[in-house]
């Protein structure tokens, strides 16, 4: 790892963790949240987060076909309308740098599936995982570090 930002600036890191804890207690079901976080992490190339959130998806009871097929979710019939709406929004927000913004069509599909509180939480989950991805990719946090992180977290 290039830099252990969580040790150099533990206050800043704890604020991200506190936001994450807040969202974990929010209205989105854990399995859906894990799928969203894993998909953004796949797009961003954050191997550590891909491993972590796919593990969380399995722990939340997400079917293995969804875990295995997440990168190609549009072609996997097992994903329901709610999951598809969340994943479409996740991909769009994660790729905002492409300059296309969030289309009205993608937003309306999400609005059909989520109430205001859920949609607010979903947008924040997407924003936060993108922040974690950028930190981890920049500092080269390895996927192999996840097992130790998980043991430490469970403590």
Foldseek 3Di string as FASTA:
>chain_A
DQDDVCVVCVVVVVVLVVLVVVLCPFDDQQLLLLLLLLLLLVVLVQLQSVLVSLVSNVVSPNDVCCSVCSPVVVPDPVDDLQSVLLNVVLVQVSVCVVVPHQDPVSVVSNCVNDPPRRVVSSVVSSVSSSVVSVVCVVRVPDNVCNVVVVVVVVD
